[in-house]
Amino acid sequence: MRKPLTIRDEPQPRNITRADLVMTEGFGMEVDGRMKTVFPTLEAAQKRARDLKAEFPMLQVKVYDAAEKKLLELSPTEWR
């Protein structure tokens, strides 16, 4: 015998970062030309970018500063 479907009264809010919206604050990590993750601090974004670049050296990883609207590239010495 099948169980009846239960429907929630209120759906869970979805926390989605849309790629078509421009960032206005924080720091984003761009991988191969696509924005992937948003971080509150520059240090957190650079740490994750360095870790990712060390694990996958073929990727192009950059950090985007939303306040200054600039892409920051990691130097090869920072990868390790």
N, C-alpha and C. Protein backbone atom coordinates (compact mmCIF):
# COMPACT_ATOMS: atom_id res chain seq x y z
N MET A 1 0.83 -1.17 0.00
CA MET A 1 0.00 0.00 0.00
C MET A 1 0.89 1.25 0.00
N ARG A 2 0.54 2.21 -0.80
CA ARG A 2 1.34 3.43 -0.91
C ARG A 2 0.99 4.41 0.19
N LYS A 3 2.02 5.16 0.58
CA LYS A 3 1.81 6.24 1.54
C LYS A 3 1.28 7.47 0.81
N PRO A 4 0.39 8.21 1.42
CA PRO A 4 -0.08 9.43 0.76
C PRO A 4 1.02 10.49 0.72
N LEU A 5 1.00 11.30 -0.32
CA LEU A 5 1.97 12.38 -0.45
C LEU A 5 1.68 13.46 0.57
N THR A 6 2.73 13.96 1.18
CA THR A 6 2.57 15.08 2.10
C THR A 6 3.10 16.33 1.43
N ILE A 7 2.33 17.38 1.47
CA ILE A 7 2.72 18.64 0.86
C ILE A 7 2.97 19.65 1.97
N ARG A 8 4.13 20.28 1.92
CA ARG A 8 4.47 21.28 2.92
C ARG A 8 3.61 22.52 2.74
N ASP A 9 3.30 23.17 3.86
CA ASP A 9 2.50 24.39 3.80
C ASP A 9 3.27 25.52 3.10
N GLU A 10 4.55 25.68 3.49
CA GLU A 10 5.37 26.74 2.91
C GLU A 10 6.63 26.11 2.32
N PRO A 11 6.95 26.41 1.08
CA PRO A 11 8.17 25.84 0.51
C PRO A 11 9.40 26.47 1.15
N GLN A 12 10.47 25.69 1.20
CA GLN A 12 11.74 26.18 1.72
C GLN A 12 12.29 27.26 0.81
N PRO A 13 12.80 28.37 1.37
CA PRO A 13 13.40 29.39 0.51
C PRO A 13 14.69 28.86 -0.11
N ARG A 14 14.90 29.17 -1.36
CA ARG A 14 16.08 28.70 -2.06
C ARG A 14 17.12 29.81 -2.09
N ASN A 15 18.32 29.46 -1.75
CA ASN A 15 19.42 30.42 -1.73
C ASN A 15 20.25 30.21 -3.00
N ILE A 16 19.88 30.90 -4.05
CA ILE A 16 20.53 30.72 -5.34
C ILE A 16 21.27 32.00 -5.72
N THR A 17 22.52 31.85 -6.14
CA THR A 17 23.27 32.98 -6.67
C THR A 17 23.13 32.94 -8.18
N ARG A 18 22.56 33.97 -8.72
CA ARG A 18 22.31 34.01 -10.16
C ARG A 18 23.51 34.58 -10.89
N ALA A 19 23.86 33.96 -12.00
CA ALA A 19 25.02 34.39 -12.78
C ALA A 19 24.74 35.63 -13.60
N ASP A 20 23.46 35.92 -13.87
CA ASP A 20 23.16 37.08 -14.70
C ASP A 20 23.07 38.38 -13.90
N LEU A 21 23.22 38.32 -12.59
CA LEU A 21 23.22 39.51 -11.75
C LEU A 21 24.65 39.91 -11.41
N VAL A 22 24.93 41.19 -11.45
CA VAL A 22 26.27 41.68 -11.16
C VAL A 22 26.46 41.78 -9.65
N MET A 23 27.60 41.31 -9.19
CA MET A 23 27.91 41.40 -7.76
C MET A 23 28.15 42.86 -7.37
N THR A 24 27.66 43.25 -6.20
CA THR A 24 27.88 44.61 -5.73
C THR A 24 28.76 44.66 -4.49
N GLU A 25 28.90 43.53 -3.80
CA GLU A 25 29.75 43.49 -2.61
C GLU A 25 30.36 42.10 -2.47
N GLY A 26 31.46 42.04 -1.75
CA GLY A 26 32.12 40.77 -1.53
C GLY A 26 33.16 40.46 -2.60
N PHE A 27 33.59 39.22 -2.61
CA PHE A 27 34.63 38.76 -3.53
C PHE A 27 34.16 37.45 -4.15
N GLY A 28 34.25 37.37 -5.46
CA GLY A 28 33.83 36.17 -6.17
C GLY A 28 35.02 35.42 -6.72
N MET A 29 34.86 34.11 -6.85
CA MET A 29 35.90 33.29 -7.45
C MET A 29 35.46 32.90 -8.85
N GLU A 30 36.26 33.28 -9.82
CA GLU A 30 35.97 32.98 -11.22
C GLU A 30 36.85 31.82 -11.65
N VAL A 31 36.22 30.78 -12.20
CA VAL A 31 36.93 29.60 -12.67
C VAL A 31 36.63 29.44 -14.15
N ASP A 32 37.67 29.47 -14.98
CA ASP A 32 37.54 29.34 -16.43
C ASP A 32 36.50 30.32 -16.99
N GLY A 33 36.51 31.55 -16.50
CA GLY A 33 35.65 32.59 -17.02
C GLY A 33 34.24 32.61 -16.49
N ARG A 34 33.93 31.75 -15.51
CA ARG A 34 32.58 31.71 -14.95
C ARG A 34 32.64 31.92 -13.44
N MET A 35 31.75 32.78 -12.96
CA MET A 35 31.69 33.07 -11.53
C MET A 35 31.12 31.86 -10.80
N LYS A 36 31.83 31.39 -9.78
CA LYS A 36 31.41 30.17 -9.09
C LYS A 36 30.95 30.41 -7.66
N THR A 37 31.74 31.10 -6.86
CA THR A 37 31.45 31.22 -5.43
C THR A 37 31.69 32.64 -4.98
N VAL A 38 30.90 33.09 -4.00
CA VAL A 38 31.04 34.43 -3.43
C VAL A 38 31.55 34.29 -2.00
N PHE A 39 32.53 35.11 -1.65
CA PHE A 39 33.12 35.10 -0.31
C PHE A 39 33.00 36.49 0.32
N PRO A 40 32.88 36.56 1.63
CA PRO A 40 32.77 37.87 2.29
C PRO A 40 34.10 38.62 2.37
N THR A 41 35.23 37.90 2.40
CA THR A 41 36.53 38.55 2.56
C THR A 41 37.47 38.15 1.42
N LEU A 42 38.44 39.01 1.15
CA LEU A 42 39.44 38.75 0.13
C LEU A 42 40.31 37.55 0.51
N GLU A 43 40.66 37.46 1.79
CA GLU A 43 41.52 36.37 2.25
C GLU A 43 40.87 35.01 2.02
N ALA A 44 39.58 34.91 2.31
CA ALA A 44 38.87 33.64 2.12
C ALA A 44 38.82 33.27 0.64
N ALA A 45 38.56 34.24 -0.21
CA ALA A 45 38.50 33.99 -1.65
C ALA A 45 39.86 33.58 -2.20
N GLN A 46 40.92 34.26 -1.77
CA GLN A 46 42.26 33.92 -2.25
C GLN A 46 42.70 32.55 -1.75
N LYS A 47 42.36 32.21 -0.51
CA LYS A 47 42.74 30.90 0.03
C LYS A 47 42.09 29.78 -0.77
N ARG A 48 40.79 29.91 -1.05
CA ARG A 48 40.09 28.88 -1.81
C ARG A 48 40.60 28.83 -3.26
N ALA A 49 40.91 29.98 -3.82
CA ALA A 49 41.44 30.01 -5.18
C ALA A 49 42.81 29.33 -5.24
N ARG A 50 43.66 29.59 -4.24
CA ARG A 50 44.98 28.93 -4.20
C ARG A 50 44.83 27.42 -4.04
N ASP A 51 43.92 26.99 -3.16
CA ASP A 51 43.71 25.55 -2.95
C ASP A 51 43.22 24.88 -4.22
N LEU A 52 42.29 25.52 -4.90
CA LEU A 52 41.74 24.96 -6.14
C LEU A 52 42.81 24.90 -7.23
N LYS A 53 43.60 25.95 -7.34
CA LYS A 53 44.66 26.00 -8.36
C LYS A 53 45.75 24.98 -8.07
N ALA A 54 46.04 24.74 -6.80
CA ALA A 54 47.05 23.74 -6.45
C ALA A 54 46.55 22.33 -6.77
N GLU A 55 45.24 22.11 -6.58
CA GLU A 55 44.68 20.79 -6.86
C GLU A 55 44.47 20.56 -8.35
N PHE A 56 44.06 21.61 -9.07
CA PHE A 56 43.79 21.51 -10.50
C PHE A 56 44.54 22.62 -11.23
N PRO A 57 45.84 22.43 -11.52
CA PRO A 57 46.65 23.51 -12.10
C PRO A 57 46.23 23.94 -13.50
N MET A 58 45.43 23.13 -14.20
CA MET A 58 45.03 23.49 -15.55
C MET A 58 43.92 24.53 -15.58
N LEU A 59 43.25 24.78 -14.44
CA LEU A 59 42.16 25.75 -14.39
C LEU A 59 42.69 27.18 -14.36
N GLN A 60 41.91 28.08 -14.94
CA GLN A 60 42.19 29.51 -14.83
C GLN A 60 41.35 30.03 -13.68
N VAL A 61 41.99 30.41 -12.58
CA VAL A 61 41.28 30.84 -11.39
C VAL A 61 41.64 32.30 -11.09
N LYS A 62 40.61 33.14 -10.92
CA LYS A 62 40.80 34.55 -10.60
C LYS A 62 39.83 34.92 -9.49
N VAL A 63 40.15 36.00 -8.79
CA VAL A 63 39.28 36.53 -7.73
C VAL A 63 38.75 37.87 -8.20
N TYR A 64 37.43 38.06 -8.09
CA TYR A 64 36.77 39.29 -8.51
C TYR A 64 36.43 40.14 -7.30
N ASP A 65 36.90 41.37 -7.29
CA ASP A 65 36.60 42.33 -6.23
C ASP A 65 35.40 43.15 -6.68
N ALA A 66 34.25 42.95 -6.06
CA ALA A 66 33.01 43.61 -6.50
C ALA A 66 33.03 45.11 -6.21
N ALA A 67 33.66 45.53 -5.13
CA ALA A 67 33.68 46.95 -4.78
C ALA A 67 34.48 47.75 -5.81
N GLU A 68 35.63 47.23 -6.22
CA GLU A 68 36.47 47.93 -7.19
C GLU A 68 36.21 47.48 -8.63
N LYS A 69 35.40 46.45 -8.81
CA LYS A 69 35.07 45.89 -10.12
C LYS A 69 36.33 45.51 -10.89
N LYS A 70 37.20 44.74 -10.22
CA LYS A 70 38.46 44.31 -10.83
C LYS A 70 38.66 42.82 -10.61
N LEU A 71 39.29 42.18 -11.60
CA LEU A 71 39.70 40.79 -11.45
C LEU A 71 41.14 40.76 -10.95
N LEU A 72 41.37 39.98 -9.92
CA LEU A 72 42.71 39.83 -9.35
C LEU A 72 43.23 38.45 -9.71
N GLU A 73 44.37 38.40 -10.40
CA GLU A 73 44.95 37.13 -10.78
C GLU A 73 45.94 36.67 -9.71
N LEU A 74 46.03 35.37 -9.54
CA LEU A 74 47.02 34.81 -8.61
C LEU A 74 48.34 34.64 -9.33
N SER A 75 49.41 34.99 -8.66
CA SER A 75 50.72 34.78 -9.27
C SER A 75 51.09 33.30 -9.14
N PRO A 76 51.93 32.76 -10.02
CA PRO A 76 52.29 31.34 -9.95
C PRO A 76 52.94 30.93 -8.62
N THR A 77 53.56 31.87 -7.93
CA THR A 77 54.18 31.53 -6.64
C THR A 77 53.13 31.35 -5.55
N GLU A 78 51.93 31.90 -5.74
CA GLU A 78 50.87 31.76 -4.75
C GLU A 78 50.09 30.47 -4.86
N TRP A 79 50.30 29.69 -5.91
CA TRP A 79 49.51 28.48 -6.13
C TRP A 79 49.75 27.44 -5.06
N ARG A 80 50.93 27.39 -4.51
CA ARG A 80 51.26 26.30 -3.58
C ARG A 80 51.03 26.67 -2.17
